[in-house]
C-alpha atoms as a PDB file:
ATOM      1  CA  MET A   1      82.393  92.457 204.787  1.00  0.00           C
ATOM      2  CA  GLU A   2      79.341  94.366 203.493  1.00  0.00           C
ATOM      3  CA  VAL A   3      79.719  96.257 200.214  1.00  0.00           C
ATOM      4  CA  SER A   4      77.562  99.097 199.498  1.00  0.00           C
ATOM      5  CA  ASP A   5      75.650  99.251 196.320  1.00  0.00           C
ATOM      6  CA  GLY A   6      77.378 102.585 195.758  1.00  0.00           C
ATOM      7  CA  GLU A   7      80.884 101.204 195.531  1.00  0.00           C
ATOM      8  CA  VAL A   8      79.927  98.705 193.142  1.00  0.00           C
ATOM      9  CA  THR A   9      78.047 101.687 191.020  1.00  0.00           C
ATOM     10  CA  ILE A  10      81.195 103.724 191.021  1.00  0.00           C
ATOM     11  CA  LEU A  11      83.183 100.949 189.990  1.00  0.00           C
ATOM     12  CA  LEU A  12      80.603 100.239 187.074  1.00  0.00           C
ATOM     13  CA  GLN A  13      80.813 103.524 185.854  1.00  0.00           C
ATOM     14  CA  ALA A  14      84.549 103.449 186.063  1.00  0.00           C
ATOM     15  CA  ILE A  15      84.666 100.498 183.597  1.00  0.00           C
ATOM     16  CA  LYS A  16      82.300 102.456 181.372  1.00  0.00           C
ATOM     17  CA  ARG A  17      84.822 105.050 181.216  1.00  0.00           C
ATOM     18  CA  GLY A  18      87.592 102.704 180.362  1.00  0.00           C
ATOM     19  CA  ASP A  19      89.337 101.868 183.686  1.00  0.00           C
ATOM     20  CA  ALA A  20      90.642  98.499 183.378  1.00  0.00           C
ATOM     21  CA  SER A  21      91.548  98.403 186.976  1.00  0.00           C
ATOM     22  CA  ALA A  22      88.111  98.884 187.988  1.00  0.00           C
ATOM     23  CA  ALA A  23      87.220  95.222 186.662  1.00  0.00           C
ATOM     24  CA  GLU A  24      89.720  93.900 188.566  1.00  0.00           C
ATOM     25  CA  ARG A  25      88.482  95.857 191.833  1.00  0.00           C
ATOM     26  CA  LEU A  26      84.776  95.108 191.267  1.00  0.00           C
ATOM     27  CA  LEU A  27      84.992  90.951 190.697  1.00  0.00           C
ATOM     28  CA  PRO A  28      85.579  90.754 194.518  1.00  0.00           C
ATOM     29  CA  LEU A  29      82.745  93.036 195.421  1.00  0.00           C
ATOM     30  CA  VAL A  30      80.104  91.035 193.586  1.00  0.00           C
ATOM     31  CA  TYR A  31      81.689  87.600 193.354  1.00  0.00           C
ATOM     32  CA  LYS A  32      79.294  86.437 196.246  1.00  0.00           C
ATOM     33  CA  GLU A  33      76.032  87.110 193.922  1.00  0.00           C
ATOM     34  CA  LEU A  34      77.393  85.977 190.850  1.00  0.00           C
ATOM     35  CA  TYR A  35      78.425  82.692 192.540  1.00  0.00           C
ATOM     36  CA  ARG A  36      75.034  82.340 193.715  1.00  0.00           C
ATOM     37  CA  LEU A  37      73.484  83.054 190.146  1.00  0.00           C
ATOM     38  CA  ALA A  38      75.954  80.438 188.430  1.00  0.00           C
ATOM     39  CA  ARG A  39      75.407  77.722 191.505  1.00  0.00           C
ATOM     40  CA  SER A  40      71.491  78.257 190.573  1.00  0.00           C
ATOM     41  CA  TYR A  41      71.874  77.889 186.938  1.00  0.00           C
ATOM     42  CA  MET A  42      74.003  74.728 187.218  1.00  0.00           C
ATOM     43  CA  GLY A  43      71.809  73.042 189.683  1.00  0.00           C
ATOM     44  CA  ARG A  44      69.359  73.008 186.864  1.00  0.00           C
ATOM     45  CA  GLU A  45      71.776  71.306 184.379  1.00  0.00           C
ATOM     46  CA  ARG A  46      72.473  67.781 183.478  1.00  0.00           C
ATOM     47  CA  THR A  47      74.772  66.192 186.048  1.00  0.00           C
ATOM     48  CA  ASP A  48      77.796  65.164 183.818  1.00  0.00           C
ATOM     49  CA  HIS A  49      77.893  69.222 182.603  1.00  0.00           C
ATOM     50  CA  THR A  50      81.587  69.925 181.851  1.00  0.00           C
ATOM     51  CA  LEU A  51      81.106  73.566 183.204  1.00  0.00           C
ATOM     52  CA  GLN A  52      81.623  74.332 186.838  1.00  0.00           C
ATOM     53  CA  PRO A  53      79.834  77.500 188.607  1.00  0.00           C
ATOM     54  CA  THR A  54      83.334  79.077 188.917  1.00  0.00           C
ATOM     55  CA  ALA A  55      83.517  78.645 184.829  1.00  0.00           C
ATOM     56  CA  LEU A  56      80.384  79.892 184.210  1.00  0.00           C
ATOM     57  CA  ILE A  57      81.267  82.925 186.473  1.00  0.00           C
ATOM     58  CA  ASN A  58      84.676  83.523 184.721  1.00  0.00           C
ATOM     59  CA  GLU A  59      83.305  83.401 181.396  1.00  0.00           C
ATOM     60  CA  ALA A  60      80.116  85.607 182.087  1.00  0.00           C
ATOM     61  CA  TYR A  61      82.526  88.208 183.784  1.00  0.00           C
ATOM     62  CA  LEU A  62      84.771  88.381 180.880  1.00  0.00           C
ATOM     63  CA  ARG A  63      81.698  89.325 178.936  1.00  0.00           C
ATOM     64  CA  LEU A  64      80.243  91.666 181.375  1.00  0.00           C
ATOM     65  CA  ALA A  65      83.614  93.497 182.280  1.00  0.00           C
ATOM     66  CA  HIS A  66      84.177  94.249 178.652  1.00  0.00           C
ATOM     67  CA  ASP A  67      80.827  94.845 177.150  1.00  0.00           C
ATOM     68  CA  ASP A  68      79.805  98.502 176.174  1.00  0.00           C
ATOM     69  CA  VAL A  69      77.048  98.699 178.724  1.00  0.00           C
ATOM     70  CA  ASP A  70      75.908 102.172 180.360  1.00  0.00           C
ATOM     71  CA  TRP A  71      76.018 100.557 183.948  1.00  0.00           C
ATOM     72  CA  LYS A  72      73.613 102.163 186.059  1.00  0.00           C
ATOM     73  CA  ASN A  73      73.674 100.303 189.466  1.00  0.00           C
ATOM     74  CA  ARG A  74      74.702  96.719 191.114  1.00  0.00           C
ATOM     75  CA  GLN A  75      70.839  95.724 190.577  1.00  0.00           C
ATOM     76  CA  GLN A  76      71.407  96.204 186.670  1.00  0.00           C
ATOM     77  CA  PHE A  77      74.599  94.494 186.740  1.00  0.00           C
ATOM     78  CA  ILE A  78      73.291  91.451 188.436  1.00  0.00           C
ATOM     79  CA  ALA A  79      70.064  91.172 186.226  1.00  0.00           C
ATOM     80  CA  VAL A  80      72.379  91.398 182.750  1.00  0.00           C
ATOM     81  CA  ALA A  81      74.783  88.880 184.695  1.00  0.00           C
ATOM     82  CA  ALA A  82      71.742  86.398 184.956  1.00  0.00           C
ATOM     83  CA  ASN A  83      71.278  86.930 181.294  1.00  0.00           C
ATOM     84  CA  VAL A  84      74.542  86.432 180.189  1.00  0.00           C
ATOM     85  CA  MET A  85      74.849  83.201 182.226  1.00  0.00           C
ATOM     86  CA  ARG A  86      71.904  81.956 180.369  1.00  0.00           C
ATOM     87  CA  ARG A  87      73.224  82.615 177.267  1.00  0.00           C
ATOM     88  CA  ILE A  88      76.583  80.988 177.911  1.00  0.00           C
ATOM     89  CA  LEU A  89      74.861  77.764 178.888  1.00  0.00           C
ATOM     90  CA  VAL A  90      72.581  77.849 175.732  1.00  0.00           C
ATOM     91  CA  ASP A  91      76.117  78.628 173.559  1.00  0.00           C
ATOM     92  CA  HIS A  92      77.199  75.371 175.499  1.00  0.00           C
ATOM     93  CA  ALA A  93      74.050  73.321 174.870  1.00  0.00           C
ATOM     94  CA  ARG A  94      74.167  74.116 171.323  1.00  0.00           C
ATOM     95  CA  THR A  95      78.018  73.269 170.805  1.00  0.00           C
ATOM     96  CA  ARG A  96      77.177  69.924 172.702  1.00  0.00           C
ATOM     97  CA  ARG A  97      74.259  69.141 170.337  1.00  0.00           C
ATOM     98  CA  ALA A  98      76.228  69.886 167.275  1.00  0.00           C
ATOM     99  CA  GLU A  99      79.079  67.595 168.572  1.00  0.00           C
ATOM    100  CA  MET A 100      76.635  64.656 169.418  1.00  0.00           C
ATOM    101  CA  ARG A 101      75.073  65.004 166.045  1.00  0.00           C
ATOM    102  CA  GLY A 102      78.431  64.204 164.286  1.00  0.00           C
ATOM    103  CA  GLY A 103      80.665  67.055 165.246  1.00  0.00           C
ATOM    104  CA  ARG A 104      83.963  65.943 166.518  1.00  0.00           C
ATOM    105  CA  LEU A 105      82.497  62.871 168.452  1.00  0.00           C
ATOM    106  CA  LYS A 106      82.575  59.409 166.691  1.00  0.00           C
ATOM    107  CA  ARG A 107      79.264  57.731 166.476  1.00  0.00           C
ATOM    108  CA  VAL A 108      78.399  55.228 169.160  1.00  0.00           C
ATOM    109  CA  GLY A 109      75.274  53.054 169.866  1.00  0.00           C
ATOM    110  CA  LEU A 110      72.661  54.909 171.665  1.00  0.00           C
ATOM    111  CA  ASN A 111      72.253  54.333 175.809  1.00  0.00           C
ATOM    112  CA  GLU A 112      70.242  55.772 178.434  1.00  0.00           C
ATOM    113  CA  GLU A 113      72.746  58.144 179.759  1.00  0.00           C
ATOM    114  CA  MET A 114      73.239  59.976 176.246  1.00  0.00           C
ATOM    115  CA  ALA A 115      69.689  60.197 175.873  1.00  0.00           C
ATOM    116  CA  ILE A 116      69.439  62.006 179.113  1.00  0.00           C
ATOM    117  CA  CYS A 117      72.247  64.453 178.055  1.00  0.00           C
ATOM    118  CA  GLU A 118      70.944  65.026 174.781  1.00  0.00           C
ATOM    119  CA  GLN A 119      67.274  65.918 176.244  1.00  0.00           C
ATOM    120  CA  ALA A 120      68.890  68.214 178.919  1.00  0.00           C
ATOM    121  CA  SER A 121      70.713  70.063 176.218  1.00  0.00           C
ATOM    122  CA  SER A 122      67.730  70.065 174.047  1.00  0.00           C
ATOM    123  CA  ASP A 123      65.709  71.665 177.270  1.00  0.00           C
ATOM    124  CA  VAL A 124      67.897  74.562 177.644  1.00  0.00           C
ATOM    125  CA  LEU A 125      67.823  75.348 173.678  1.00  0.00           C
ATOM    126  CA  ALA A 126      63.938  75.110 173.749  1.00  0.00           C
ATOM    127  CA  LEU A 127      63.214  77.152 176.618  1.00  0.00           C
ATOM    128  CA  HIS A 128      65.730  79.526 175.536  1.00  0.00           C
ATOM    129  CA  GLU A 129      63.994  79.927 171.913  1.00  0.00           C
ATOM    130  CA  ALA A 130      60.747  80.312 173.742  1.00  0.00           C
ATOM    131  CA  LEU A 131      62.275  82.903 175.990  1.00  0.00           C
ATOM    132  CA  ASN A 132      63.481  84.763 172.853  1.00  0.00           C
ATOM    133  CA  ARG A 133      59.997  84.947 171.514  1.00  0.00           C
ATOM    134  CA  LEU A 134      58.441  86.136 174.589  1.00  0.00           C
ATOM    135  CA  GLU A 135      61.022  89.001 174.953  1.00  0.00           C
ATOM    136  CA  LYS A 136      60.095  90.574 171.630  1.00  0.00           C
ATOM    137  CA  LEU A 137      56.666  90.580 173.542  1.00  0.00           C
ATOM    138  CA  ASN A 138      57.263  91.633 176.970  1.00  0.00           C
ATOM    139  CA  ALA A 139      61.025  91.941 177.885  1.00  0.00           C
ATOM    140  CA  ARG A 140      60.324  92.386 181.501  1.00  0.00           C
ATOM    141  CA  GLN A 141      58.441  88.970 181.801  1.00  0.00           C
ATOM    142  CA  VAL A 142      61.877  87.514 180.315  1.00  0.00           C
ATOM    143  CA  LYS A 143      63.755  89.112 182.954  1.00  0.00           C
ATOM    144  CA  VAL A 144      61.604  88.031 185.848  1.00  0.00           C
ATOM    145  CA  VAL A 145      61.802  84.562 184.308  1.00  0.00           C
ATOM    146  CA  GLU A 146      65.446  84.465 184.394  1.00  0.00           C
ATOM    147  CA  MET A 147      66.004  86.054 187.687  1.00  0.00           C
ATOM    148  CA  ARG A 148      62.933  83.542 189.180  1.00  0.00           C
ATOM    149  CA  TYR A 149      63.726  80.449 187.398  1.00  0.00           C
ATOM    150  CA  PHE A 150      67.362  80.127 186.648  1.00  0.00           C
ATOM    151  CA  ALA A 151      68.977  82.647 189.225  1.00  0.00           C
ATOM    152  CA  GLY A 152      66.466  81.273 192.131  1.00  0.00           C
ATOM    153  CA  PHE A 153      65.934  84.949 193.281  1.00  0.00           C
ATOM    154  CA  SER A 154      62.904  85.287 195.556  1.00  0.00           C
ATOM    155  CA  VAL A 155      60.173  87.795 194.693  1.00  0.00           C
ATOM    156  CA  GLU A 156      61.189  90.584 196.896  1.00  0.00           C
ATOM    157  CA  GLU A 157      65.104  90.587 195.308  1.00  0.00           C
ATOM    158  CA  ILE A 158      63.454  90.372 191.807  1.00  0.00           C
ATOM    159  CA  GLY A 159      61.286  93.443 192.938  1.00  0.00           C
ATOM    160  CA  SER A 160      64.468  95.268 194.072  1.00  0.00           C
ATOM    161  CA  ILE A 161      66.605  94.707 191.301  1.00  0.00           C
ATOM    162  CA  LEU A 162      63.831  95.136 188.540  1.00  0.00           C
ATOM    163  CA  SER A 163      62.249  98.517 190.828  1.00  0.00           C
ATOM    164  CA  MET A 164      59.080  96.435 190.861  1.00  0.00           C
ATOM    165  CA  SER A 165      56.460  95.703 193.471  1.00  0.00           C
ATOM    166  CA  PRO A 166      56.332  92.242 194.643  1.00  0.00           C
ATOM    167  CA  ARG A 167      53.040  91.995 193.050  1.00  0.00           C
ATOM    168  CA  SER A 168      53.939  92.994 189.886  1.00  0.00           C
ATOM    169  CA  VAL A 169      57.054  90.458 190.139  1.00  0.00           C
ATOM    170  CA  LYS A 170      54.465  87.691 190.986  1.00  0.00           C
ATOM    171  CA  ARG A 171      52.226  88.903 188.110  1.00  0.00           C
ATOM    172  CA  ASN A 172      54.866  89.115 185.293  1.00  0.00           C
ATOM    173  CA  TRP A 173      56.033  85.506 186.409  1.00  0.00           C
ATOM    174  CA  SER A 174      52.576  83.866 185.937  1.00  0.00           C
ATOM    175  CA  LEU A 175      51.809  85.327 183.021  1.00  0.00           C
ATOM    176  CA  ALA A 176      55.471  84.360 181.609  1.00  0.00           C
ATOM    177  CA  ARG A 177      54.915  80.855 182.791  1.00  0.00           C
ATOM    178  CA  ILE A 178      51.364  80.508 181.328  1.00  0.00           C
ATOM    179  CA  TRP A 179      52.825  82.057 177.904  1.00  0.00           C
ATOM    180  CA  LEU A 180      55.995  79.835 177.824  1.00  0.00           C
ATOM    181  CA  PHE A 181      54.134  76.597 178.600  1.00  0.00           C
ATOM    182  CA  ASN A 182      51.618  77.406 175.930  1.00  0.00           C
ATOM    183  CA  GLU A 183      54.392  78.206 173.617  1.00  0.00           C
ATOM    184  CA  ILE A 184      56.130  74.897 174.096  1.00  0.00           C
ATOM    185  CA  GLN A 185      53.093  72.706 173.725  1.00  0.00           C
ATOM    186  CA  ARG A 186      52.447  74.590 170.529  1.00  0.00           C
ATOM    187  CA  ALA A 187      55.861  73.670 169.709  1.00  0.00           C
ATOM    188  CA  ARG A 188      55.063  69.894 170.611  1.00  0.00           C
ATOM    189  CA  ASN A 189      52.032  69.855 168.629  1.00  0.00           C
ATOM    190  CA  ALA A 190      53.698  71.357 165.678  1.00  0.00           C
ATOM    191  CA  GLY A 191      55.972  68.306 165.860  1.00  0.00           C
ATOM    192  CA  ILE A 192      58.914  69.826 167.170  1.00  0.00           C
ATOM    193  CA  PRO A 193      60.874  67.311 169.626  1.00  0.00           C
ATOM    194  CA  GLU A 194      60.405  67.510 173.216  1.00  0.00           C
ATOM    195  CA  GLN A 195      60.704  70.839 174.842  1.00  0.00           C
ATOM    196  CA  ALA A 196      61.527  71.908 178.400  1.00  0.00           C
ATOM    197  CA  GLU A 197      58.697  72.994 180.935  1.00  0.00           C
ATOM    198  CA  ILE A 198      58.720  75.785 183.456  1.00  0.00           C
END
């Protein structure tokens, strides 16, 4: 069943007005897109990650449906969902890193599997921190990175969602990748532990 952007927009505006039932009616209409985002994000995570795509969708949807956002349309909703999913995974990585450094876990000898898991968590956090720095300089480039790298959207899809030409999307993607690469290299050279690469 094909759902029109107008139906989604009407429900998003109803949510903004406080209609609790609108959030329940919206989920089935956007679930396919949210699942695609979640699968893409989880595909970049370590293989033993405790979150599954459906859990990521549920967590993100709870945050989205209760946020005080002036929703404009489906495209804005999906773009914000990509950002929320990234932040959930970052929070999860921070929690895991804290646990591995003496939180609730008992100290055991280092083995290769644990090193890989800790590296994956560090990569997520390092990229998140670099994206936060880039967002202060160019929020649009961060949105392009989130949608291209994390969510796996095509240049054309990103252009449609962000109301940009494909050429502009490509330019923002290229500039963001260069900036992030240089920022990660700068952090490495400053002695910060290994970081993620785009």
